Amino acid sequence: MSTQAAKTNIVFFFVDDMGYGDASCLNPHGRIKTPNIDRLACEGMKFTDAHSSSAVCSPSRYSVLTGRYNWRSRLQQGIVEVYGDPLIAADRLTVPGFLKQHGYHSACIGKWHLGQGWDFEADEDFRPAHGYDSTPAHNLQASEQQRLRWRAAFQKPTTGGPTRRGFDYYFGVDIPNWPPYCFIENDHTVGIPSEFLPARLLGSNQASLQGPAMPYWHFEQLLPTWAEKADCYIRERAEAAEPFFLYLPMTSPHTPLSVNKPFIGKSGLNNLYADLVIETDDVFGRVLDSLARHGVADNTLVIFASDNGCAPYIGARDLEEQGHFPSGPYRGYKSDAWDGGHRIPCVARWPGMIKPGTECGSLVCLSDLMATCADIVGAELPDNAGEDSFSMMPLFRGTDISGRKTMVHHSISGKFAIRQGQWKLVLCPGSGGWTLDDAEAARSGRPLVQLYDIQADPGETHNLQAEQPEKVKELVHSLKQLVADGRSTPGPKQENDVPVDIWKLDTMPEVDAALLDDY
């Protein structure tokens, strides 16, 4: 029986690379069934116009935990690299740091991918340049010198991981398909990696890079571990006096596509990604059961969301041929500025606040978590925190009135799109990602910008830029203003960490910069 005070607990279950169309409550015609996500929708609210701030991983995580668009940071394209430096500045207020100020205990269990702050030089001993092959033929053997270097390096604490950015407790991995292949607890690895990852675990949608690993490391252990650790944490906090914030960034259904035996083939689609979605849904159900079993479900806000859209390389086209569309009716996939890259499944349950079985069509962004938390605790955010975060509380109450009128999207190559009401402007000739290369699109003569009426044309098939030139200019002006203001919420102007180029013409040498004079 819980002895907690009345403050609301918060659980943020954050899956990796799951498309809008992979949740059956949002895509009833889909071939993948997600009964636990559907259960949350029946008991709460599903959001049909929710987005990640970026179409790829670590930038979206930055926005969740800071309430700030990722492109205001130094990361202007791509993701945090292997052994990369911490992306969140040490002096930036995060969601767990803010909640700690208001009496919350917090934990991160799962994937971090925001930079750990490793205290060593990541040379070839830590990331062998020759260690990856899509069909690896042999195992690399670690030398005694390499093992000594690894021991010296991994005995040191990390300097920029979750417990240095506001969390009280952390158990997880840095990036599941990149080294080091080991668990990390708080600011130390659990054991010292002493072998190279076996070649059989490289390639074919498993690990992407060779590197140091714990002996007998295998990826099937990840999801059961997150479920067990979450249950332990919920049990401990249910008996504590203070409320808790549990951030559960899953390693799935992102690669490695390592599915546990009970779930292999369960989708009936002959696709490991589809099976992994089902296993991920099962883990989510276990977390929901933990909340109920430990007596805190009625006093807990649960949010389910994905960090971006489905990756095309997991057999997305094969799934579509079988009648399952991971992006639903939307165009593109992970990496793209088109909606398939960043329109995400998002569902929330809060007994006594959110009316069961409701649907919200308002514009929602992952960055909105911080302002929502501020509303929950009844506090104001500082001027230099949550600059792009709008509270979801009015939506939870069913008013369908949000402070968010605009949303800025960002692709893997740093290409921008802006959404206002029914209109969406994409500032590149292609997808901004992997689906349609921008340089190739520019060479083929496609217009420099794309304008869509997203309500009438959710598939982004009819470019209206030539028919609506004034709307294009209006939206470009709005984006420039949001960049210049350093925020999209009301308040004093703030500074971006680096200069922000909304056009990224350096990625499209075929485009004449003089064409921008029209905007």
Protein backbone atom coordinates (compact mmCIF):
# COMPACT_ATOMS: atom_id res chain seq x y z
CA MET A 1 0.00 0.00 0.00
CA SER A 2 1.39 3.39 -0.98
CA THR A 3 2.21 5.93 1.74
CA GLN A 4 2.86 8.76 -0.73
CA ALA A 5 1.72 12.32 -0.44
CA ALA A 6 -0.94 13.53 -2.87
CA LYS A 7 1.41 14.98 -5.52
CA THR A 8 1.03 13.34 -8.91
CA ASN A 9 3.67 10.84 -10.02
CA ILE A 10 4.81 11.02 -13.64
CA VAL A 11 5.87 8.11 -15.86
CA PHE A 12 7.17 8.90 -19.34
CA PHE A 13 7.44 5.70 -21.40
CA PHE A 14 9.52 6.68 -24.42
CA VAL A 15 9.91 4.16 -27.24
CA ASP A 16 12.52 4.39 -29.97
CA ASP A 17 11.71 4.56 -33.72
CA MET A 18 8.07 3.50 -33.46
CA GLY A 19 5.90 4.93 -36.22
CA TYR A 20 2.53 6.63 -35.84
CA GLY A 21 0.90 3.72 -37.67
CA ASP A 22 2.45 1.07 -35.40
CA ALA A 23 0.01 1.76 -32.55
CA SER A 24 -3.25 0.00 -33.35
CA CYS A 25 -5.31 2.59 -31.44
CA LEU A 26 -4.13 5.16 -34.03
CA ASN A 27 -4.10 2.81 -37.02
CA PRO A 28 -6.99 0.35 -36.64
CA HIS A 29 -6.31 -1.02 -40.12
CA GLY A 30 -2.69 -1.83 -39.25
CA ARG A 31 -1.45 -5.40 -39.02
CA ILE A 32 0.43 -4.92 -35.70
CA LYS A 33 -1.67 -5.09 -32.55
CA THR A 34 -0.64 -3.16 -29.44
CA PRO A 35 -3.20 -4.05 -26.73
CA ASN A 36 -1.43 -2.24 -23.88
CA ILE A 37 -1.04 1.03 -25.75
CA ASP A 38 -4.68 0.63 -26.80
CA ARG A 39 -5.60 0.03 -23.16
CA LEU A 40 -3.98 3.33 -22.19
CA ALA A 41 -5.94 5.08 -24.94
CA CYS A 42 -9.20 3.57 -23.67
CA GLU A 43 -8.38 4.72 -20.14
CA GLY A 44 -7.05 8.11 -21.23
CA MET A 45 -6.46 10.32 -24.26
CA LYS A 46 -4.79 9.71 -27.62
CA PHE A 47 -3.18 12.58 -29.54
CA THR A 48 -3.49 12.55 -33.31
CA ASP A 49 -1.24 15.54 -34.05
CA ALA A 50 1.73 14.89 -31.74
CA HIS A 51 5.32 15.33 -32.93
CA SER A 52 8.88 14.82 -31.87
CA SER A 53 11.03 17.93 -32.22
CA SER A 54 13.42 16.07 -34.51
CA ALA A 55 13.15 13.17 -36.93
CA VAL A 56 16.03 11.37 -35.20
CA CYS A 57 16.98 10.15 -31.77
CA SER A 58 19.23 12.21 -29.49
CA PRO A 59 17.90 15.62 -30.63
CA SER A 60 14.38 14.54 -29.65
CA ARG A 61 15.64 13.35 -26.24
CA TYR A 62 17.21 16.74 -25.72
CA SER A 63 13.86 18.44 -26.28
CA VAL A 64 11.97 16.07 -23.97
CA LEU A 65 14.29 16.75 -21.05
CA THR A 66 14.90 20.48 -21.61
CA GLY A 67 11.65 21.78 -23.11
CA ARG A 68 13.76 23.42 -25.81
CA TYR A 69 14.08 22.79 -29.53
CA ASN A 70 17.19 20.71 -30.22
CA TRP A 71 18.39 23.02 -33.01
CA ARG A 72 18.97 25.79 -30.46
CA SER A 73 21.83 23.62 -29.15
CA ARG A 74 25.16 22.91 -30.87
CA LEU A 75 23.63 19.84 -32.57
CA GLN A 76 22.50 21.32 -35.89
CA GLN A 77 22.23 18.01 -37.72
CA GLY A 78 22.65 14.30 -37.06
CA ILE A 79 22.88 12.74 -33.62
CA VAL A 80 25.31 12.56 -30.71
CA GLU A 81 28.17 10.42 -31.97
CA VAL A 82 29.62 7.33 -30.32
CA TYR A 83 31.31 8.33 -27.03
CA GLY A 84 30.12 11.88 -27.82
CA ASP A 85 30.24 14.82 -25.43
CA PRO A 86 27.13 15.63 -23.36
CA LEU A 87 24.57 17.59 -25.38
CA ILE A 88 22.70 19.06 -22.41
CA ALA A 89 24.74 21.88 -20.86
CA ALA A 90 25.60 21.38 -17.21
CA ASP A 91 23.83 24.60 -16.20
CA ARG A 92 20.62 23.95 -18.16
CA LEU A 93 17.52 23.12 -16.14
CA THR A 94 16.06 19.74 -17.04
CA VAL A 95 12.71 18.14 -16.28
CA PRO A 96 14.14 15.96 -13.45
CA GLY A 97 16.16 18.89 -12.10
CA PHE A 98 13.06 21.08 -12.03
CA LEU A 99 10.93 18.40 -10.40
CA LYS A 100 13.64 17.80 -7.79
CA GLN A 101 13.21 21.43 -6.75
CA HIS A 102 9.58 20.55 -6.01
CA GLY A 103 10.12 17.43 -3.96
CA TYR A 104 10.27 14.72 -6.62
CA HIS A 105 12.60 11.74 -6.80
CA SER A 106 13.53 10.79 -10.36
CA ALA A 107 15.00 7.87 -12.28
CA CYS A 108 16.08 7.19 -15.86
CA ILE A 109 15.93 3.53 -16.88
CA GLY A 110 16.92 2.60 -20.43
CA LYS A 111 18.68 4.38 -23.31
CA TRP A 112 20.37 7.75 -22.78
CA HIS A 113 22.07 8.82 -26.07
CA LEU A 114 22.74 12.38 -24.96
CA GLY A 115 26.44 11.95 -24.22
CA GLN A 116 27.78 10.37 -21.04
CA GLY A 117 30.94 12.44 -20.63
CA TRP A 118 33.48 9.63 -20.95
CA ASP A 119 36.90 10.61 -19.61
CA PHE A 120 39.10 9.11 -22.34
CA GLU A 121 40.04 9.59 -25.96
CA ALA A 122 37.86 7.32 -28.11
CA ASP A 123 40.52 6.10 -30.54
CA GLU A 124 40.59 2.82 -32.47
CA ASP A 125 41.02 0.77 -29.31
CA PHE A 126 37.49 1.86 -28.32
CA ARG A 127 35.98 2.02 -31.80
CA PRO A 128 37.90 -0.11 -34.32
CA ALA A 129 37.64 1.41 -37.78
CA HIS A 130 37.76 -2.05 -39.34
CA GLY A 131 35.39 -3.67 -36.87
CA TYR A 132 32.08 -3.36 -38.72
CA ASP A 133 31.09 -5.50 -41.66
CA SER A 134 27.52 -6.22 -42.71
CA THR A 135 28.56 -9.89 -42.97
CA PRO A 136 31.31 -10.13 -40.34
CA ALA A 137 33.55 -13.11 -40.95
CA HIS A 138 35.55 -13.25 -37.74
CA ASN A 139 35.74 -12.12 -34.14
CA LEU A 140 38.21 -9.47 -33.07
CA GLN A 141 40.33 -10.50 -30.12
CA ALA A 142 41.15 -7.87 -27.51
CA SER A 143 44.84 -7.55 -26.73
CA GLU A 144 46.14 -7.25 -23.19
CA GLN A 145 47.04 -3.62 -23.90
CA GLN A 146 43.47 -2.89 -25.01
CA ARG A 147 42.02 -4.55 -21.92
CA LEU A 148 44.30 -2.47 -19.70
CA ARG A 149 43.21 0.73 -21.46
CA TRP A 150 39.55 -0.25 -21.15
CA ARG A 151 39.96 -1.01 -17.44
CA ALA A 152 41.57 2.36 -16.80
CA ALA A 153 38.93 4.18 -18.84
CA PHE A 154 35.77 2.48 -17.59
CA GLN A 155 36.77 2.58 -13.94
CA LYS A 156 36.39 6.35 -14.08
CA PRO A 157 32.97 7.93 -13.47
CA THR A 158 31.13 9.55 -16.35
CA THR A 159 30.80 13.31 -16.10
CA GLY A 160 27.68 14.15 -18.11
CA GLY A 161 25.18 11.31 -17.85
CA PRO A 162 21.69 11.29 -16.34
CA THR A 163 22.73 11.70 -12.68
CA ARG A 164 24.77 14.77 -13.70
CA ARG A 165 21.73 16.22 -15.49
CA GLY A 166 19.09 16.08 -12.78
CA PHE A 167 18.22 12.42 -12.22
CA ASP A 168 18.63 10.79 -8.82
CA TYR A 169 19.12 7.30 -10.27
CA TYR A 170 20.07 5.82 -13.62
CA PHE A 171 20.31 2.29 -14.94
CA GLY A 172 20.65 1.72 -18.65
CA VAL A 173 22.85 1.73 -21.72
CA ASP A 174 24.30 4.63 -23.64
CA ILE A 175 23.20 3.52 -27.12
CA PRO A 176 22.23 -0.17 -27.51
CA ASN A 177 23.77 -0.74 -30.96
CA TRP A 178 26.99 1.19 -30.22
CA PRO A 179 29.81 0.55 -27.74
CA PRO A 180 30.38 0.20 -24.90
CA TYR A 181 28.21 -2.89 -24.71
CA CYS A 182 27.43 -2.91 -21.01
CA PHE A 183 24.97 -1.62 -18.46
CA ILE A 184 25.65 1.68 -16.72
CA GLU A 185 24.41 2.40 -13.21
CA ASN A 186 24.48 6.03 -12.10
CA ASP A 187 27.93 7.19 -13.31
CA HIS A 188 29.83 3.88 -13.61
CA THR A 189 29.68 0.91 -15.93
CA VAL A 190 28.39 -2.28 -14.34
CA GLY A 191 31.60 -4.27 -14.65
CA ILE A 192 34.47 -3.54 -17.02
CA PRO A 193 34.02 -4.40 -20.71
CA SER A 194 36.86 -6.77 -21.55
CA GLU A 195 36.05 -8.32 -24.94
CA PHE A 196 35.11 -7.13 -28.40
CA LEU A 197 31.48 -7.71 -29.34
CA PRO A 198 31.11 -11.11 -31.06
CA ALA A 199 30.94 -10.80 -34.83
CA ARG A 200 27.61 -12.63 -34.93
CA LEU A 201 25.99 -9.63 -33.18
CA LEU A 202 27.13 -7.14 -35.84
CA GLY A 203 25.16 -6.15 -38.92
CA SER A 204 21.76 -7.38 -40.11
CA ASN A 205 19.91 -4.83 -37.95
CA GLN A 206 21.79 -5.79 -34.82
CA ALA A 207 24.81 -3.79 -33.58
CA SER A 208 26.18 -1.12 -35.91
CA LEU A 209 29.69 -0.65 -34.53
CA GLN A 210 32.39 -2.87 -33.10
CA GLY A 211 33.78 -2.05 -29.66
CA PRO A 212 34.35 -3.14 -26.06
CA ALA A 213 31.69 -5.39 -24.54
CA MET A 214 31.00 -7.31 -21.38
CA PRO A 215 31.61 -11.05 -21.75
CA TYR A 216 28.50 -12.93 -22.90
CA TRP A 217 26.71 -9.68 -23.76
CA HIS A 218 23.45 -10.20 -25.66
CA PHE A 219 20.67 -7.83 -26.66
CA GLU A 220 17.72 -10.00 -25.71
CA GLN A 221 18.34 -9.11 -22.07
CA LEU A 222 17.55 -5.41 -22.54
CA LEU A 223 13.74 -5.26 -22.53
CA PRO A 224 13.23 -7.69 -19.63
CA THR A 225 15.84 -5.72 -17.65
CA TRP A 226 14.02 -2.41 -18.17
CA ALA A 227 10.75 -3.98 -17.02
CA GLU A 228 12.35 -5.49 -13.91
CA LYS A 229 14.20 -2.30 -12.98
CA ALA A 230 11.05 -0.22 -13.50
CA ASP A 231 9.07 -2.53 -11.24
CA CYS A 232 11.72 -2.31 -8.51
CA TYR A 233 11.80 1.47 -8.72
CA ILE A 234 8.00 1.81 -8.62
CA ARG A 235 7.82 -0.52 -5.64
CA GLU A 236 10.46 1.46 -3.73
CA ARG A 237 8.95 4.84 -4.51
CA ALA A 238 5.40 3.73 -3.72
CA GLU A 239 6.47 3.43 -0.07
CA ALA A 240 8.32 6.75 -0.02
CA ALA A 241 7.01 10.11 1.10
CA GLU A 242 7.85 12.05 -2.04
CA PRO A 243 6.34 11.70 -5.53
CA PHE A 244 8.44 10.32 -8.39
CA PHE A 245 9.28 10.95 -12.03
CA LEU A 246 10.19 7.81 -13.96
CA TYR A 247 11.68 8.35 -17.42
CA LEU A 248 11.70 5.06 -19.37
CA PRO A 249 13.51 5.56 -22.69
CA MET A 250 13.24 2.14 -24.32
CA THR A 251 15.89 0.67 -26.59
CA SER A 252 13.16 -0.69 -28.86
CA PRO A 253 11.76 -1.13 -31.44
CA HIS A 254 14.99 0.52 -32.67
CA THR A 255 17.75 -1.85 -33.71
CA PRO A 256 19.13 -4.22 -32.43
CA LEU A 257 16.15 -6.25 -33.64
CA SER A 258 16.79 -8.90 -30.97
CA VAL A 259 13.43 -10.39 -30.06
CA ASN A 260 12.92 -12.77 -27.16
CA LYS A 261 11.64 -16.22 -28.12
CA PRO A 262 8.02 -15.85 -26.91
CA PHE A 263 7.59 -12.92 -29.32
CA ILE A 264 9.39 -14.21 -32.41
CA GLY A 265 6.78 -14.57 -35.15
CA LYS A 266 4.01 -13.23 -32.93
CA SER A 267 3.14 -10.45 -35.39
CA GLY A 268 2.48 -12.98 -38.15
CA LEU A 269 4.29 -10.66 -40.58
CA ASN A 270 7.67 -12.42 -40.85
CA ASN A 271 9.32 -9.20 -39.70
CA LEU A 272 11.44 -8.88 -36.54
CA TYR A 273 10.61 -5.18 -36.18
CA ALA A 274 6.90 -5.99 -36.03
CA ASP A 275 7.62 -8.68 -33.42
CA LEU A 276 9.72 -6.22 -31.43
CA VAL A 277 6.87 -3.68 -31.43
CA ILE A 278 4.69 -6.35 -29.84
CA GLU A 279 7.36 -7.17 -27.24
CA THR A 280 7.77 -3.45 -26.48
CA ASP A 281 4.02 -3.17 -25.99
CA ASP A 282 4.22 -6.11 -23.59
CA VAL A 283 6.89 -4.32 -21.53
CA PHE A 284 4.65 -1.27 -21.41
CA GLY A 285 1.85 -3.47 -20.09
CA ARG A 286 4.18 -4.77 -17.39
CA VAL A 287 4.92 -1.20 -16.29
CA LEU A 288 1.21 -0.40 -16.15
CA ASP A 289 0.68 -3.54 -14.09
CA SER A 290 3.48 -2.49 -11.73
CA LEU A 291 1.80 0.85 -11.09
CA ALA A 292 -1.45 -0.95 -10.24
CA ARG A 293 0.18 -3.67 -8.15
CA HIS A 294 2.06 -1.15 -6.01
CA GLY A 295 -0.97 1.07 -5.47
CA VAL A 296 0.05 4.21 -7.36
CA ALA A 297 -1.80 3.91 -10.68
CA ASP A 298 -4.61 6.26 -9.62
CA ASN A 299 -2.14 8.99 -8.71
CA THR A 300 0.15 8.74 -11.72
CA LEU A 301 0.20 10.52 -15.06
CA VAL A 302 1.45 8.05 -17.68
CA ILE A 303 2.58 9.32 -21.07
CA PHE A 304 3.48 6.99 -23.92
CA ALA A 305 5.39 8.49 -26.87
CA SER A 306 8.00 7.75 -29.53
CA ASP A 307 11.17 9.72 -30.26
CA ASN A 308 10.55 9.86 -34.04
CA GLY A 309 9.01 7.86 -36.86
CA CYS A 310 9.74 4.32 -37.99
CA ALA A 311 13.11 3.66 -39.67
CA PRO A 312 12.81 2.56 -43.30
CA TYR A 313 15.63 0.03 -43.05
CA ILE A 314 13.75 -2.39 -40.76
CA GLY A 315 11.71 -3.75 -43.66
CA ALA A 316 9.15 -0.94 -43.81
CA ARG A 317 8.39 -1.48 -47.49
CA ASP A 318 7.92 -5.20 -46.89
CA LEU A 319 5.44 -4.38 -44.12
CA GLU A 320 3.58 -2.03 -46.45
CA GLU A 321 3.30 -4.77 -49.06
CA GLN A 322 1.60 -6.87 -46.35
CA GLY A 323 -0.87 -4.07 -45.58
CA HIS A 324 0.83 -2.49 -42.57
CA PHE A 325 1.95 1.13 -42.92
CA PRO A 326 4.32 2.15 -40.08
CA SER A 327 3.84 5.85 -40.85
CA GLY A 328 0.07 5.51 -41.19
CA PRO A 329 -1.26 7.89 -43.84
CA TYR A 330 1.78 10.17 -43.57
CA ARG A 331 4.70 10.54 -45.97
CA GLY A 332 8.25 9.53 -45.17
CA TYR A 333 10.04 7.81 -42.30
CA LYS A 334 12.55 8.48 -39.56
CA SER A 335 15.06 11.17 -40.64
CA ASP A 336 12.59 13.13 -42.82
CA ALA A 337 11.05 16.57 -42.50
CA TRP A 338 7.86 15.04 -43.89
CA ASP A 339 5.37 13.99 -41.22
CA GLY A 340 6.32 10.32 -41.29
CA GLY A 341 9.63 11.37 -39.77
CA HIS A 342 8.23 13.06 -36.68
CA ARG A 343 4.49 12.52 -36.27
CA ILE A 344 4.43 10.04 -33.41
CA PRO A 345 2.11 7.87 -31.36
CA CYS A 346 1.32 9.70 -28.13
CA VAL A 347 -1.17 8.60 -25.47
CA ALA A 348 -1.70 9.80 -21.89
CA ARG A 349 -3.65 8.54 -18.87
CA TRP A 350 -4.30 10.46 -15.66
CA PRO A 351 -7.19 9.14 -13.57
CA GLY A 352 -9.44 11.92 -12.33
CA MET A 353 -7.97 14.45 -14.76
CA ILE A 354 -8.13 12.96 -18.26
CA LYS A 355 -11.52 11.68 -19.34
CA PRO A 356 -11.23 8.06 -20.50
CA GLY A 357 -11.53 7.26 -24.18
CA THR A 358 -10.93 10.79 -25.45
CA GLU A 359 -9.06 12.06 -28.49
CA CYS A 360 -7.19 15.33 -28.97
CA GLY A 361 -6.35 16.84 -32.35
CA SER A 362 -4.35 19.80 -31.03
CA LEU A 363 -0.71 20.31 -31.99
CA VAL A 364 1.57 18.72 -29.40
CA CYS A 365 5.37 18.47 -29.18
CA LEU A 366 7.63 16.29 -27.02
CA SER A 367 9.18 19.49 -25.67
CA ASP A 368 5.86 20.19 -23.91
CA LEU A 369 6.67 17.86 -21.02
CA MET A 370 8.53 20.50 -19.02
CA ALA A 371 5.76 23.13 -19.03
CA THR A 372 3.25 20.39 -18.24
CA CYS A 373 5.31 19.42 -15.19
CA ALA A 374 5.44 23.07 -14.12
CA ASP A 375 1.65 23.19 -14.28
CA ILE A 376 1.38 19.97 -12.29
CA VAL A 377 3.43 21.36 -9.41
CA GLY A 378 1.93 24.86 -9.71
CA ALA A 379 5.23 26.64 -10.37
CA GLU A 380 6.65 29.05 -12.93
CA LEU A 381 9.58 28.09 -15.11
CA PRO A 382 12.60 30.43 -15.16
CA ASP A 383 12.90 32.61 -18.26
CA ASN A 384 15.87 30.58 -19.50
CA ALA A 385 14.21 27.17 -19.23
CA GLY A 386 11.55 25.39 -21.30
CA GLU A 387 11.77 28.02 -24.03
CA ASP A 388 9.72 25.87 -26.44
CA SER A 389 7.45 24.09 -23.99
CA PHE A 390 3.68 24.57 -23.80
CA SER A 391 1.64 22.92 -21.06
CA MET A 392 -0.64 20.07 -22.06
CA MET A 393 -2.80 20.57 -18.97
CA PRO A 394 -5.60 22.39 -20.84
CA LEU A 395 -5.71 19.46 -23.26
CA PHE A 396 -5.80 16.95 -20.39
CA ARG A 397 -8.78 18.83 -19.00
CA GLY A 398 -10.57 18.45 -22.33
CA THR A 399 -10.70 22.09 -23.38
CA ASP A 400 -8.78 21.35 -26.61
CA ILE A 401 -7.24 24.80 -26.28
CA SER A 402 -3.44 24.87 -26.25
CA GLY A 403 -0.97 27.71 -26.15
CA ARG A 404 0.94 26.01 -28.95
CA LYS A 405 0.03 27.48 -32.33
CA THR A 406 3.30 26.74 -34.13
CA MET A 407 5.63 23.75 -34.36
CA VAL A 408 9.12 23.65 -35.85
CA HIS A 409 10.31 20.35 -37.33
CA HIS A 410 13.93 19.33 -37.91
CA SER A 411 15.34 16.54 -40.07
CA ILE A 412 18.51 14.48 -39.74
CA SER A 413 20.39 16.77 -42.14
CA GLY A 414 19.23 19.85 -40.26
CA LYS A 415 16.52 20.88 -42.70
CA PHE A 416 13.66 22.86 -41.21
CA ALA A 417 9.90 22.74 -41.55
CA ILE A 418 7.36 24.91 -39.79
CA ARG A 419 3.73 24.16 -39.05
CA GLN A 420 1.03 26.74 -38.32
CA GLY A 421 -2.56 25.53 -38.26
CA GLN A 422 -3.32 23.72 -41.49
CA TRP A 423 -0.15 24.92 -43.21
CA LYS A 424 3.25 23.26 -43.28
CA LEU A 425 6.30 24.71 -45.02
CA VAL A 426 9.32 22.45 -45.68
CA LEU A 427 12.55 24.33 -46.39
CA CYS A 428 14.18 21.84 -48.75
CA PRO A 429 13.40 20.26 -52.13
CA GLY A 430 13.51 16.66 -50.88
CA SER A 431 12.63 14.94 -47.63
CA GLY A 432 15.47 16.40 -45.59
CA GLY A 433 16.40 12.83 -44.78
CA TRP A 434 16.88 9.41 -46.29
CA THR A 435 13.67 9.07 -48.32
CA LEU A 436 14.51 11.69 -50.99
CA ASP A 437 18.00 13.20 -51.00
CA ASP A 438 17.85 17.00 -51.15
CA ALA A 439 20.83 17.38 -53.48
CA GLU A 440 19.29 14.88 -55.88
CA ALA A 441 15.92 16.64 -55.59
CA ALA A 442 17.57 19.99 -56.35
CA ARG A 443 19.35 18.55 -59.41
CA SER A 444 16.04 17.24 -60.71
CA GLY A 445 14.57 20.75 -60.58
CA ARG A 446 12.23 20.39 -57.62
CA PRO A 447 11.24 23.70 -55.95
CA LEU A 448 13.45 24.88 -53.08
CA VAL A 449 10.50 24.84 -50.68
CA GLN A 450 7.34 22.76 -50.22
CA LEU A 451 4.03 24.10 -48.91
CA TYR A 452 1.26 21.72 -47.90
CA ASP A 453 -2.26 22.03 -46.57
CA ILE A 454 -1.73 19.28 -44.02
CA GLN A 455 -5.44 18.96 -43.22
CA ALA A 456 -6.59 18.53 -46.81
CA ASP A 457 -3.42 16.70 -47.87
CA PRO A 458 -1.98 14.74 -44.92
CA GLY A 459 0.20 12.70 -47.27
CA GLU A 460 2.03 15.87 -48.43
CA THR A 461 1.50 15.04 -52.10
CA HIS A 462 0.52 18.44 -53.60
CA ASN A 463 3.08 21.23 -53.26
CA LEU A 464 1.27 24.58 -53.14
CA GLN A 465 4.33 26.83 -52.97
CA ALA A 466 3.77 28.30 -56.47
CA GLU A 467 0.08 28.95 -55.76
CA GLN A 468 0.56 30.47 -52.29
CA PRO A 469 3.75 32.60 -52.42
CA GLU A 470 2.57 34.97 -49.70
CA LYS A 471 1.88 32.10 -47.32
CA VAL A 472 5.41 30.83 -47.98
CA LYS A 473 6.90 34.23 -47.11
CA GLU A 474 4.71 34.48 -44.01
CA LEU A 475 5.90 31.14 -42.70
CA VAL A 476 9.56 31.84 -43.48
CA HIS A 477 9.22 35.10 -41.56
CA SER A 478 7.64 33.28 -38.61
CA LEU A 479 10.47 30.75 -38.52
CA LYS A 480 13.12 33.46 -38.68
CA GLN A 481 11.42 35.24 -35.77
CA LEU A 482 11.29 32.06 -33.67
CA VAL A 483 14.99 31.54 -34.29
CA ALA A 484 15.88 35.14 -33.49
CA ASP A 485 13.80 35.20 -30.28
CA GLY A 486 15.53 32.12 -28.87
CA ARG A 487 12.13 30.86 -27.77
CA SER A 488 8.62 30.14 -29.06
CA THR A 489 6.89 30.71 -25.71
CA PRO A 490 6.06 34.15 -24.30
CA GLY A 491 8.90 35.73 -22.36
CA PRO A 492 12.17 37.62 -22.64
CA LYS A 493 14.36 36.94 -25.64
CA GLN A 494 16.93 34.18 -25.13
CA GLU A 495 20.12 33.24 -26.94
CA ASN A 496 20.60 30.16 -29.07
CA ASP A 497 23.80 28.26 -28.27
CA VAL A 498 25.15 28.70 -31.81
CA PRO A 499 24.10 30.59 -34.96
CA VAL A 500 21.18 28.84 -36.66
CA ASP A 501 21.01 28.55 -40.46
CA ILE A 502 17.46 27.71 -41.53
CA TRP A 503 18.42 26.87 -45.13
CA LYS A 504 21.51 24.61 -44.78
CA LEU A 505 22.55 25.36 -48.34
CA ASP A 506 25.96 23.85 -47.67
CA THR A 507 24.25 20.47 -48.08
CA MET A 508 22.88 21.47 -51.50
CA PRO A 509 25.70 23.04 -53.57
CA GLU A 510 23.46 22.87 -56.66
CA VAL A 511 21.17 25.59 -55.25
CA ASP A 512 21.89 29.22 -56.06
CA ALA A 513 21.78 31.25 -52.82
CA ALA A 514 20.31 34.16 -54.78
CA LEU A 515 17.05 32.22 -54.95
CA LEU A 516 16.59 32.88 -51.24
CA ASP A 517 16.07 36.56 -52.00
CA ASP A 518 12.48 35.67 -52.89
CA TYR A 519 11.84 34.77 -49.23
